[in-house]
Amino acid sequence: MLEWSLKMGRSLQTTGYRGCLNCDSILSADGELPTLLTRNDLHVDSFEKLAWAIGHDEHLNGNSGTGALLLVDDVPHTGTVQYLAYGPSPSAAAYAEDRLHETATAC
């Protein structure tokens, strides 16, 4: 984790980024590191409808090993939500994120 955090920090530094950097990971019970993607720019009309849709989608509610969590409801101010998409691999987390975007468009 430290090695990847340093690589990411050095990469961001070359782009001119300055400031705090948050590098998180989750160690699963079997010793694997799941991939987490967080963003704060998902446009949606209703936080509540999106939360309901996530709960009823097996690829977003965690039942299939991938999922999405809504972290911050900023819909009243910016029309966006902050979220976290996750999966056991980068491609699985990206799939969950794509699925979340499709779901948000339908809400």
PDB file of N, CA and C in Angstrom:
ATOM      1  N   MET A   1       0.827  -1.189   0.000  1.00  0.00           N
ATOM      2  CA  MET A   1       0.000   0.000   0.000  1.00  0.00           C
ATOM      3  C   MET A   1       0.870   1.250   0.000  1.00  0.00           C
ATOM      4  N   LEU A   2       1.903   1.250   0.807  1.00  0.00           N
ATOM      5  CA  LEU A   2       2.794   2.415   0.851  1.00  0.00           C
ATOM      6  C   LEU A   2       3.488   2.637  -0.485  1.00  0.00           C
ATOM      7  N   GLU A   3       3.905   1.549  -1.119  1.00  0.00           N
ATOM      8  CA  GLU A   3       4.575   1.666  -2.412  1.00  0.00           C
ATOM      9  C   GLU A   3       3.659   2.307  -3.457  1.00  0.00           C
ATOM     10  N   TRP A   4       2.404   1.856  -3.525  1.00  0.00           N
ATOM     11  CA  TRP A   4       1.462   2.419  -4.488  1.00  0.00           C
ATOM     12  C   TRP A   4       1.091   3.849  -4.133  1.00  0.00           C
ATOM     13  N   SER A   5       1.001   4.171  -2.868  1.00  0.00           N
ATOM     14  CA  SER A   5       0.708   5.533  -2.458  1.00  0.00           C
ATOM     15  C   SER A   5       1.822   6.486  -2.885  1.00  0.00           C
ATOM     16  N   LEU A   6       3.054   6.055  -2.716  1.00  0.00           N
ATOM     17  CA  LEU A   6       4.188   6.875  -3.152  1.00  0.00           C
ATOM     18  C   LEU A   6       4.179   7.077  -4.662  1.00  0.00           C
ATOM     19  N   LYS A   7       3.903   6.009  -5.417  1.00  0.00           N
ATOM     20  CA  LYS A   7       3.847   6.126  -6.874  1.00  0.00           C
ATOM     21  C   LYS A   7       2.754   7.103  -7.294  1.00  0.00           C
ATOM     22  N   MET A   8       1.601   7.000  -6.667  1.00  0.00           N
ATOM     23  CA  MET A   8       0.504   7.886  -7.012  1.00  0.00           C
ATOM     24  C   MET A   8       0.853   9.326  -6.652  1.00  0.00           C
ATOM     25  N   GLY A   9       1.424   9.539  -5.481  1.00  0.00           N
ATOM     26  CA  GLY A   9       1.816  10.881  -5.065  1.00  0.00           C
ATOM     27  C   GLY A   9       2.841  11.496  -6.002  1.00  0.00           C
ATOM     28  N   ARG A  10       3.824  10.704  -6.401  1.00  0.00           N
ATOM     29  CA  ARG A  10       4.853  11.222  -7.327  1.00  0.00           C
ATOM     30  C   ARG A  10       4.241  11.558  -8.683  1.00  0.00           C
ATOM     31  N   SER A  11       3.341  10.711  -9.142  1.00  0.00           N
ATOM     32  CA  SER A  11       2.685  10.965 -10.415  1.00  0.00           C
ATOM     33  C   SER A  11       1.872  12.256 -10.365  1.00  0.00           C
ATOM     34  N   LEU A  12       1.100  12.447  -9.309  1.00  0.00           N
ATOM     35  CA  LEU A  12       0.311  13.669  -9.165  1.00  0.00           C
ATOM     36  C   LEU A  12       1.196  14.897  -9.033  1.00  0.00           C
ATOM     37  N   GLN A  13       2.338  14.743  -8.373  1.00  0.00           N
ATOM     38  CA  GLN A  13       3.252  15.862  -8.200  1.00  0.00           C
ATOM     39  C   GLN A  13       3.759  16.355  -9.548  1.00  0.00           C
ATOM     40  N   THR A  14       3.984  15.446 -10.497  1.00  0.00           N
ATOM     41  CA  THR A  14       4.472  15.861 -11.817  1.00  0.00           C
ATOM     42  C   THR A  14       3.430  16.670 -12.587  1.00  0.00           C
ATOM     43  N   THR A  15       2.164  16.554 -12.209  1.00  0.00           N
ATOM     44  CA  THR A  15       1.112  17.330 -12.872  1.00  0.00           C
ATOM     45  C   THR A  15       0.934  18.702 -12.235  1.00  0.00           C
ATOM     46  N   GLY A  16       1.673  18.962 -11.159  1.00  0.00           N
ATOM     47  CA  GLY A  16       1.563  20.244 -10.475  1.00  0.00           C
ATOM     48  C   GLY A  16       0.675  20.204  -9.259  1.00  0.00           C
ATOM     49  N   TYR A  17       0.128  19.041  -8.939  1.00  0.00           N
ATOM     50  CA  TYR A  17      -0.755  18.930  -7.770  1.00  0.00           C
ATOM     51  C   TYR A  17       0.023  19.223  -6.506  1.00  0.00           C
ATOM     52  N   ARG A  18      -0.596  20.004  -5.625  1.00  0.00           N
ATOM     53  CA  ARG A  18      -0.036  20.290  -4.306  1.00  0.00           C
ATOM     54  C   ARG A  18      -1.160  20.183  -3.291  1.00  0.00           C
ATOM     55  N   GLY A  19      -0.901  19.606  -2.150  1.00  0.00           N
ATOM     56  CA  GLY A  19      -1.921  19.496  -1.115  1.00  0.00           C
ATOM     57  C   GLY A  19      -1.997  18.095  -0.549  1.00  0.00           C
ATOM     58  N   CYS A  20      -3.029  17.868   0.212  1.00  0.00           N
ATOM     59  CA  CYS A  20      -3.214  16.569   0.861  1.00  0.00           C
ATOM     60  C   CYS A  20      -3.691  15.534  -0.142  1.00  0.00           C
ATOM     61  N   LEU A  21      -3.335  14.295   0.110  1.00  0.00           N
ATOM     62  CA  LEU A  21      -3.724  13.175  -0.727  1.00  0.00           C
ATOM     63  C   LEU A  21      -4.200  12.054   0.172  1.00  0.00           C
ATOM     64  N   ASN A  22      -5.343  11.473  -0.151  1.00  0.00           N
ATOM     65  CA  ASN A  22      -5.920  10.407   0.661  1.00  0.00           C
ATOM     66  C   ASN A  22      -5.833   9.102  -0.114  1.00  0.00           C
ATOM     67  N   CYS A  23      -5.077   8.139   0.373  1.00  0.00           N
ATOM     68  CA  CYS A  23      -4.941   6.823  -0.256  1.00  0.00           C
ATOM     69  C   CYS A  23      -5.494   5.784   0.703  1.00  0.00           C
ATOM     70  N   ASP A  24      -6.616   5.183   0.325  1.00  0.00           N
ATOM     71  CA  ASP A  24      -7.265   4.192   1.174  1.00  0.00           C
ATOM     72  C   ASP A  24      -7.290   2.830   0.501  1.00  0.00           C
ATOM     73  N   SER A  25      -7.392   1.811   1.296  1.00  0.00           N
ATOM     74  CA  SER A  25      -7.607   0.467   0.781  1.00  0.00           C
ATOM     75  C   SER A  25      -8.306  -0.342   1.860  1.00  0.00           C
ATOM     76  N   ILE A  26      -8.931  -1.415   1.417  1.00  0.00           N
ATOM     77  CA  ILE A  26      -9.607  -2.316   2.339  1.00  0.00           C
ATOM     78  C   ILE A  26      -9.023  -3.705   2.161  1.00  0.00           C
ATOM     79  N   LEU A  27      -8.593  -4.288   3.236  1.00  0.00           N
ATOM     80  CA  LEU A  27      -8.078  -5.647   3.230  1.00  0.00           C
ATOM     81  C   LEU A  27      -9.224  -6.590   3.566  1.00  0.00           C
ATOM     82  N   SER A  28      -9.554  -7.480   2.624  1.00  0.00           N
ATOM     83  CA  SER A  28     -10.666  -8.404   2.843  1.00  0.00           C
ATOM     84  C   SER A  28     -10.239  -9.522   3.803  1.00  0.00           C
ATOM     85  N   ALA A  29     -11.212 -10.307   4.241  1.00  0.00           N
ATOM     86  CA  ALA A  29     -10.945 -11.390   5.193  1.00  0.00           C
ATOM     87  C   ALA A  29      -9.970 -12.418   4.628  1.00  0.00           C
ATOM     88  N   ASP A  30      -9.952 -12.592   3.302  1.00  0.00           N
ATOM     89  CA  ASP A  30      -9.037 -13.569   2.702  1.00  0.00           C
ATOM     90  C   ASP A  30      -7.690 -12.956   2.301  1.00  0.00           C
ATOM     91  N   GLY A  31      -7.429 -11.721   2.746  1.00  0.00           N
ATOM     92  CA  GLY A  31      -6.122 -11.105   2.529  1.00  0.00           C
ATOM     93  C   GLY A  31      -5.968 -10.357   1.221  1.00  0.00           C
ATOM     94  N   GLU A  32      -7.049 -10.162   0.483  1.00  0.00           N
ATOM     95  CA  GLU A  32      -6.997  -9.442  -0.783  1.00  0.00           C
ATOM     96  C   GLU A  32      -7.318  -7.965  -0.569  1.00  0.00           C
ATOM     97  N   LEU A  33      -6.772  -7.116  -1.443  1.00  0.00           N
ATOM     98  CA  LEU A  33      -7.061  -5.684  -1.405  1.00  0.00           C
ATOM     99  C   LEU A  33      -8.103  -5.363  -2.472  1.00  0.00           C
ATOM    100  N   PRO A  34      -9.367  -5.052  -2.098  1.00  0.00           N
ATOM    101  CA  PRO A  34     -10.352  -4.631  -3.110  1.00  0.00           C
ATOM    102  C   PRO A  34     -10.007  -3.265  -3.686  1.00  0.00           C
ATOM    103  N   THR A  35     -10.466  -3.035  -4.888  1.00  0.00           N
ATOM    104  CA  THR A  35     -10.272  -1.762  -5.560  1.00  0.00           C
ATOM    105  C   THR A  35     -11.441  -0.838  -5.240  1.00  0.00           C
ATOM    106  N   LEU A  36     -11.128   0.399  -4.852  1.00  0.00           N
ATOM    107  CA  LEU A  36     -12.146   1.399  -4.536  1.00  0.00           C
ATOM    108  C   LEU A  36     -11.971   2.595  -5.460  1.00  0.00           C
ATOM    109  N   LEU A  37     -13.081   3.082  -5.994  1.00  0.00           N
ATOM    110  CA  LEU A  37     -13.080   4.285  -6.820  1.00  0.00           C
ATOM    111  C   LEU A  37     -14.009   5.290  -6.176  1.00  0.00           C
ATOM    112  N   THR A  38     -13.534   6.482  -5.902  1.00  0.00           N
ATOM    113  CA  THR A  38     -14.409   7.509  -5.328  1.00  0.00           C
ATOM    114  C   THR A  38     -14.425   8.718  -6.250  1.00  0.00           C
ATOM    115  N   ARG A  39     -15.609   9.299  -6.365  1.00  0.00           N
ATOM    116  CA  ARG A  39     -15.793  10.487  -7.186  1.00  0.00           C
ATOM    117  C   ARG A  39     -16.810  11.388  -6.488  1.00  0.00           C
ATOM    118  N   ASN A  40     -16.855  12.635  -6.883  1.00  0.00           N
ATOM    119  CA  ASN A  40     -17.813  13.557  -6.277  1.00  0.00           C
ATOM    120  C   ASN A  40     -18.601  14.339  -7.319  1.00  0.00           C
ATOM    121  N   ASP A  41     -18.800  13.740  -8.499  1.00  0.00           N
ATOM    122  CA  ASP A  41     -19.429  14.498  -9.582  1.00  0.00           C
ATOM    123  C   ASP A  41     -20.517  13.726 -10.330  1.00  0.00           C
ATOM    124  N   LEU A  42     -21.178  12.808  -9.658  1.00  0.00           N
ATOM    125  CA  LEU A  42     -22.246  12.043 -10.312  1.00  0.00           C
ATOM    126  C   LEU A  42     -23.528  12.878 -10.319  1.00  0.00           C
ATOM    127  N   HIS A  43     -23.969  13.283 -11.491  1.00  0.00           N
ATOM    128  CA  HIS A  43     -25.178  14.100 -11.616  1.00  0.00           C
ATOM    129  C   HIS A  43     -26.416  13.217 -11.505  1.00  0.00           C
ATOM    130  N   VAL A  44     -27.345  13.649 -10.654  1.00  0.00           N
ATOM    131  CA  VAL A  44     -28.576  12.896 -10.437  1.00  0.00           C
ATOM    132  C   VAL A  44     -29.653  13.865  -9.944  1.00  0.00           C
ATOM    133  N   ASP A  45     -30.891  13.572 -10.287  1.00  0.00           N
ATOM    134  CA  ASP A  45     -32.001  14.425  -9.853  1.00  0.00           C
ATOM    135  C   ASP A  45     -32.479  14.088  -8.448  1.00  0.00           C
ATOM    136  N   SER A  46     -32.341  12.817  -8.048  1.00  0.00           N
ATOM    137  CA  SER A  46     -32.867  12.400  -6.752  1.00  0.00           C
ATOM    138  C   SER A  46     -31.926  11.417  -6.061  1.00  0.00           C
ATOM    139  N   PHE A  47     -31.371  11.857  -4.950  1.00  0.00           N
ATOM    140  CA  PHE A  47     -30.519  10.988  -4.134  1.00  0.00           C
ATOM    141  C   PHE A  47     -31.307   9.760  -3.679  1.00  0.00           C
ATOM    142  N   GLU A  48     -32.542   9.974  -3.258  1.00  0.00           N
ATOM    143  CA  GLU A  48     -33.365   8.896  -2.727  1.00  0.00           C
ATOM    144  C   GLU A  48     -33.665   7.836  -3.783  1.00  0.00           C
ATOM    145  N   LYS A  49     -33.996   8.259  -5.002  1.00  0.00           N
ATOM    146  CA  LYS A  49     -34.279   7.301  -6.075  1.00  0.00           C
ATOM    147  C   LYS A  49     -33.030   6.503  -6.435  1.00  0.00           C
ATOM    148  N   LEU A  50     -31.891   7.172  -6.452  1.00  0.00           N
ATOM    149  CA  LEU A  50     -30.648   6.474  -6.761  1.00  0.00           C
ATOM    150  C   LEU A  50     -30.312   5.476  -5.664  1.00  0.00           C
ATOM    151  N   ALA A  51     -30.476   5.865  -4.404  1.00  0.00           N
ATOM    152  CA  ALA A  51     -30.211   4.945  -3.292  1.00  0.00           C
ATOM    153  C   ALA A  51     -31.114   3.718  -3.384  1.00  0.00           C
ATOM    154  N   TRP A  52     -32.389   3.918  -3.718  1.00  0.00           N
ATOM    155  CA  TRP A  52     -33.326   2.810  -3.862  1.00  0.00           C
ATOM    156  C   TRP A  52     -32.884   1.893  -4.994  1.00  0.00           C
ATOM    157  N   ALA A  53     -32.493   2.470  -6.136  1.00  0.00           N
ATOM    158  CA  ALA A  53     -32.074   1.678  -7.291  1.00  0.00           C
ATOM    159  C   ALA A  53     -30.820   0.862  -6.988  1.00  0.00           C
ATOM    160  N   ILE A  54     -29.875   1.446  -6.264  1.00  0.00           N
ATOM    161  CA  ILE A  54     -28.664   0.717  -5.879  1.00  0.00           C
ATOM    162  C   ILE A  54     -29.024  -0.495  -5.031  1.00  0.00           C
ATOM    163  N   GLY A  55     -29.924  -0.307  -4.099  1.00  0.00           N
ATOM    164  CA  GLY A  55     -30.330  -1.399  -3.221  1.00  0.00           C
ATOM    165  C   GLY A  55     -31.008  -2.544  -3.934  1.00  0.00           C
ATOM    166  N   HIS A  56     -31.540  -2.296  -5.133  1.00  0.00           N
ATOM    167  CA  HIS A  56     -32.259  -3.319  -5.885  1.00  0.00           C
ATOM    168  C   HIS A  56     -31.483  -3.823  -7.102  1.00  0.00           C
ATOM    169  N   ASP A  57     -30.216  -3.506  -7.194  1.00  0.00           N
ATOM    170  CA  ASP A  57     -29.375  -3.949  -8.312  1.00  0.00           C
ATOM    171  C   ASP A  57     -28.267  -4.840  -7.758  1.00  0.00           C
ATOM    172  N   GLU A  58     -28.261  -6.100  -8.148  1.00  0.00           N
ATOM    173  CA  GLU A  58     -27.287  -7.051  -7.572  1.00  0.00           C
ATOM    174  C   GLU A  58     -25.840  -6.689  -7.867  1.00  0.00           C
ATOM    175  N   HIS A  59     -25.594  -5.893  -8.909  1.00  0.00           N
ATOM    176  CA  HIS A  59     -24.217  -5.484  -9.222  1.00  0.00           C
ATOM    177  C   HIS A  59     -23.795  -4.227  -8.470  1.00  0.00           C
ATOM    178  N   LEU A  60     -24.753  -3.602  -7.788  1.00  0.00           N
ATOM    179  CA  LEU A  60     -24.444  -2.384  -7.035  1.00  0.00           C
ATOM    180  C   LEU A  60     -24.669  -2.531  -5.536  1.00  0.00           C
ATOM    181  N   ASN A  61     -25.422  -3.539  -5.104  1.00  0.00           N
ATOM    182  CA  ASN A  61     -25.740  -3.666  -3.678  1.00  0.00           C
ATOM    183  C   ASN A  61     -24.782  -4.563  -2.910  1.00  0.00           C
ATOM    184  N   GLY A  62     -23.730  -5.051  -3.558  1.00  0.00           N
ATOM    185  CA  GLY A  62     -22.729  -5.857  -2.872  1.00  0.00           C
ATOM    186  C   GLY A  62     -22.969  -7.348  -2.924  1.00  0.00           C
ATOM    187  N   ASN A  63     -24.124  -7.784  -3.363  1.00  0.00           N
ATOM    188  CA  ASN A  63     -24.429  -9.215  -3.381  1.00  0.00           C
ATOM    189  C   ASN A  63     -23.596 -10.010  -4.377  1.00  0.00           C
ATOM    190  N   SER A  64     -23.048  -9.342  -5.389  1.00  0.00           N
ATOM    191  CA  SER A  64     -22.250 -10.046  -6.392  1.00  0.00           C
ATOM    192  C   SER A  64     -20.752  -9.783  -6.231  1.00  0.00           C
ATOM    193  N   GLY A  65     -20.369  -9.129  -5.133  1.00  0.00           N
ATOM    194  CA  GLY A  65     -18.953  -8.817  -4.908  1.00  0.00           C
ATOM    195  C   GLY A  65     -18.544  -7.448  -5.410  1.00  0.00           C
ATOM    196  N   THR A  66     -19.433  -6.782  -6.138  1.00  0.00           N
ATOM    197  CA  THR A  66     -19.199  -5.408  -6.568  1.00  0.00           C
ATOM    198  C   THR A  66     -20.308  -4.552  -5.988  1.00  0.00           C
ATOM    199  N   GLY A  67     -20.077  -3.244  -5.945  1.00  0.00           N
ATOM    200  CA  GLY A  67     -21.128  -2.400  -5.399  1.00  0.00           C
ATOM    201  C   GLY A  67     -20.797  -0.938  -5.466  1.00  0.00           C
ATOM    202  N   ALA A  68     -21.743  -0.153  -4.964  1.00  0.00           N
ATOM    203  CA  ALA A  68     -21.586   1.298  -4.905  1.00  0.00           C
ATOM    204  C   ALA A  68     -22.221   1.801  -3.617  1.00  0.00           C
ATOM    205  N   LEU A  69     -21.589   2.774  -3.013  1.00  0.00           N
ATOM    206  CA  LEU A  69     -22.099   3.423  -1.808  1.00  0.00           C
ATOM    207  C   LEU A  69     -22.210   4.916  -2.089  1.00  0.00           C
ATOM    208  N   LEU A  70     -23.329   5.491  -1.704  1.00  0.00           N
ATOM    209  CA  LEU A  70     -23.483   6.932  -1.813  1.00  0.00           C
ATOM    210  C   LEU A  70     -22.943   7.560  -0.541  1.00  0.00           C
ATOM    211  N   LEU A  71     -22.008   8.483  -0.686  1.00  0.00           N
ATOM    212  CA  LEU A  71     -21.317   9.057   0.467  1.00  0.00           C
ATOM    213  C   LEU A  71     -21.849  10.421   0.880  1.00  0.00           C
ATOM    214  N   VAL A  72     -22.133  11.286  -0.080  1.00  0.00           N
ATOM    215  CA  VAL A  72     -22.565  12.652   0.227  1.00  0.00           C
ATOM    216  C   VAL A  72     -23.690  13.038  -0.727  1.00  0.00           C
ATOM    217  N   ASP A  73     -24.797  13.504  -0.163  1.00  0.00           N
ATOM    218  CA  ASP A  73     -25.918  14.012  -0.953  1.00  0.00           C
ATOM    219  C   ASP A  73     -25.749  15.518  -1.121  1.00  0.00           C
ATOM    220  N   ASP A  74     -25.276  15.921  -2.276  1.00  0.00           N
ATOM    221  CA  ASP A  74     -25.122  17.342  -2.563  1.00  0.00           C
ATOM    222  C   ASP A  74     -26.093  17.776  -3.662  1.00  0.00           C
ATOM    223  N   VAL A  75     -27.131  16.949  -3.889  1.00  0.00           N
ATOM    224  CA  VAL A  75     -28.107  17.240  -4.935  1.00  0.00           C
ATOM    225  C   VAL A  75     -28.776  18.604  -4.743  1.00  0.00           C
ATOM    226  N   PRO A  76     -29.163  18.986  -3.520  1.00  0.00           N
ATOM    227  CA  PRO A  76     -29.821  20.294  -3.367  1.00  0.00           C
ATOM    228  C   PRO A  76     -28.943  21.483  -3.770  1.00  0.00           C
ATOM    229  N   HIS A  77     -27.629  21.327  -3.700  1.00  0.00           N
ATOM    230  CA  HIS A  77     -26.726  22.454  -3.958  1.00  0.00           C
ATOM    231  C   HIS A  77     -26.078  22.402  -5.341  1.00  0.00           C
ATOM    232  N   THR A  78     -25.622  21.212  -5.749  1.00  0.00           N
ATOM    233  CA  THR A  78     -24.878  21.098  -7.012  1.00  0.00           C
ATOM    234  C   THR A  78     -25.484  20.092  -7.980  1.00  0.00           C
ATOM    235  N   GLY A  79     -26.497  19.344  -7.543  1.00  0.00           N
ATOM    236  CA  GLY A  79     -27.085  18.320  -8.396  1.00  0.00           C
ATOM    237  C   GLY A  79     -26.223  17.078  -8.529  1.00  0.00           C
ATOM    238  N   THR A  80     -25.299  16.910  -7.575  1.00  0.00           N
ATOM    239  CA  THR A  80     -24.382  15.764  -7.637  1.00  0.00           C
ATOM    240  C   THR A  80     -24.364  14.998  -6.318  1.00  0.00           C
ATOM    241  N   VAL A  81     -23.820  13.782  -6.401  1.00  0.00           N
ATOM    242  CA  VAL A  81     -23.551  12.990  -5.205  1.00  0.00           C
ATOM    243  C   VAL A  81     -22.105  12.524  -5.252  1.00  0.00           C
ATOM    244  N   GLN A  82     -21.560  12.301  -4.072  1.00  0.00           N
ATOM    245  CA  GLN A  82     -20.247  11.685  -3.963  1.00  0.00           C
ATOM    246  C   GLN A  82     -20.491  10.209  -3.732  1.00  0.00           C
ATOM    247  N   TYR A  83     -19.697   9.356  -4.396  1.00  0.00           N
ATOM    248  CA  TYR A  83     -19.915   7.918  -4.280  1.00  0.00           C
ATOM    249  C   TYR A  83     -18.602   7.155  -4.232  1.00  0.00           C
ATOM    250  N   LEU A  84     -18.727   5.913  -3.878  1.00  0.00           N
ATOM    251  CA  LEU A  84     -17.622   4.963  -3.875  1.00  0.00           C
ATOM    252  C   LEU A  84     -18.110   3.736  -4.614  1.00  0.00           C
ATOM    253  N   ALA A  85     -17.376   3.297  -5.622  1.00  0.00           N
ATOM    254  CA  ALA A  85     -17.660   2.045  -6.331  1.00  0.00           C
ATOM    255  C   ALA A  85     -16.532   1.080  -5.994  1.00  0.00           C
ATOM    256  N   TYR A  86     -16.868  -0.209  -5.849  1.00  0.00           N
ATOM    257  CA  TYR A  86     -15.837  -1.157  -5.440  1.00  0.00           C
ATOM    258  C   TYR A  86     -16.009  -2.503  -6.130  1.00  0.00           C
ATOM    259  N   GLY A  87     -14.922  -3.252  -6.120  1.00  0.00           N
ATOM    260  CA  GLY A  87     -14.917  -4.599  -6.667  1.00  0.00           C
ATOM    261  C   GLY A  87     -13.612  -5.277  -6.337  1.00  0.00           C
ATOM    262  N   PRO A  88     -13.524  -6.571  -6.586  1.00  0.00           N
ATOM    263  CA  PRO A  88     -12.320  -7.322  -6.241  1.00  0.00           C
ATOM    264  C   PRO A  88     -11.136  -7.038  -7.173  1.00  0.00           C
ATOM    265  N   SER A  89     -11.370  -6.320  -8.263  1.00  0.00           N
ATOM    266  CA  SER A  89     -10.299  -5.982  -9.205  1.00  0.00           C
ATOM    267  C   SER A  89     -10.605  -4.611  -9.813  1.00  0.00           C
ATOM    268  N   PRO A  90      -9.618  -3.990 -10.437  1.00  0.00           N
ATOM    269  CA  PRO A  90      -9.890  -2.706 -11.085  1.00  0.00           C
ATOM    270  C   PRO A  90     -10.996  -2.794 -12.140  1.00  0.00           C
ATOM    271  N   SER A  91     -11.014  -3.862 -12.915  1.00  0.00           N
ATOM    272  CA  SER A  91     -12.049  -3.973 -13.947  1.00  0.00           C
ATOM    273  C   SER A  91     -13.432  -4.176 -13.331  1.00  0.00           C
ATOM    274  N   ALA A  92     -13.524  -4.918 -12.231  1.00  0.00           N
ATOM    275  CA  ALA A  92     -14.812  -5.122 -11.563  1.00  0.00           C
ATOM    276  C   ALA A  92     -15.311  -3.826 -10.937  1.00  0.00           C
ATOM    277  N   ALA A  93     -14.413  -3.050 -10.344  1.00  0.00           N
ATOM    278  CA  ALA A  93     -14.807  -1.755  -9.772  1.00  0.00           C
ATOM    279  C   ALA A  93     -15.243  -0.793 -10.879  1.00  0.00           C
ATOM    280  N   ALA A  94     -14.537  -0.820 -12.013  1.00  0.00           N
ATOM    281  CA  ALA A  94     -14.920   0.031 -13.148  1.00  0.00           C
ATOM    282  C   ALA A  94     -16.289  -0.379 -13.682  1.00  0.00           C
ATOM    283  N   TYR A  95     -16.572  -1.685 -13.707  1.00  0.00           N
ATOM    284  CA  TYR A  95     -17.895  -2.148 -14.134  1.00  0.00           C
ATOM    285  C   TYR A  95     -18.977  -1.618 -13.195  1.00  0.00           C
ATOM    286  N   ALA A  96     -18.736  -1.691 -11.894  1.00  0.00           N
ATOM    287  CA  ALA A  96     -19.711  -1.180 -10.930  1.00  0.00           C
ATOM    288  C   ALA A  96     -19.906   0.321 -11.123  1.00  0.00           C
ATOM    289  N   GLU A  97     -18.833   1.044 -11.388  1.00  0.00           N
ATOM    290  CA  GLU A  97     -18.946   2.478 -11.602  1.00  0.00           C
ATOM    291  C   GLU A  97     -19.762   2.769 -12.865  1.00  0.00           C
ATOM    292  N   ASP A  98     -19.500   2.044 -13.940  1.00  0.00           N
ATOM    293  CA  ASP A  98     -20.278   2.226 -15.167  1.00  0.00           C
ATOM    294  C   ASP A  98     -21.753   1.923 -14.924  1.00  0.00           C
ATOM    295  N   ARG A  99     -22.010   0.850 -14.196  1.00  0.00           N
ATOM    296  CA  ARG A  99     -23.395   0.468 -13.884  1.00  0.00           C
ATOM    297  C   ARG A  99     -24.081   1.566 -13.053  1.00  0.00           C
ATOM    298  N   LEU A 100     -23.342   2.154 -12.117  1.00  0.00           N
ATOM    299  CA  LEU A 100     -23.883   3.229 -11.306  1.00  0.00           C
ATOM    300  C   LEU A 100     -24.259   4.434 -12.172  1.00  0.00           C
ATOM    301  N   HIS A 101     -23.396   4.775 -13.123  1.00  0.00           N
ATOM    302  CA  HIS A 101     -23.687   5.896 -14.016  1.00  0.00           C
ATOM    303  C   HIS A 101     -24.938   5.622 -14.858  1.00  0.00           C
ATOM    304  N   GLU A 102     -25.069   4.392 -15.354  1.00  0.00           N
ATOM    305  CA  GLU A 102     -26.272   4.023 -16.105  1.00  0.00           C
ATOM    306  C   GLU A 102     -27.513   4.139 -15.223  1.00  0.00           C
ATOM    307  N   THR A 103     -27.398   3.693 -13.988  1.00  0.00           N
ATOM    308  CA  THR A 103     -28.515   3.743 -13.048  1.00  0.00           C
ATOM    309  C   THR A 103     -28.877   5.190 -12.737  1.00  0.00           C
ATOM    310  N   ALA A 104     -27.874   6.033 -12.544  1.00  0.00           N
ATOM    311  CA  ALA A 104     -28.134   7.439 -12.225  1.00  0.00           C
ATOM    312  C   ALA A 104     -28.844   8.138 -13.385  1.00  0.00           C
ATOM    313  N   THR A 105     -28.479   7.787 -14.595  1.00  0.00           N
ATOM    314  CA  THR A 105     -29.128   8.372 -15.775  1.00  0.00           C
ATOM    315  C   THR A 105     -30.595   8.010 -15.827  1.00  0.00           C
ATOM    316  N   ALA A 106     -30.927   6.800 -15.384  1.00  0.00           N
ATOM    317  CA  ALA A 106     -32.316   6.327 -15.400  1.00  0.00           C
ATOM    318  C   ALA A 106     -33.149   6.909 -14.261  1.00  0.00           C
ATOM    319  N   CYS A 107     -32.493   7.433 -13.227  1.00  0.00           N
ATOM    320  CA  CYS A 107     -33.227   7.953 -12.071  1.00  0.00           C
ATOM    321  C   CYS A 107     -33.746   9.333 -12.340  1.00  0.00           C
TER     322      CYS A 107
END
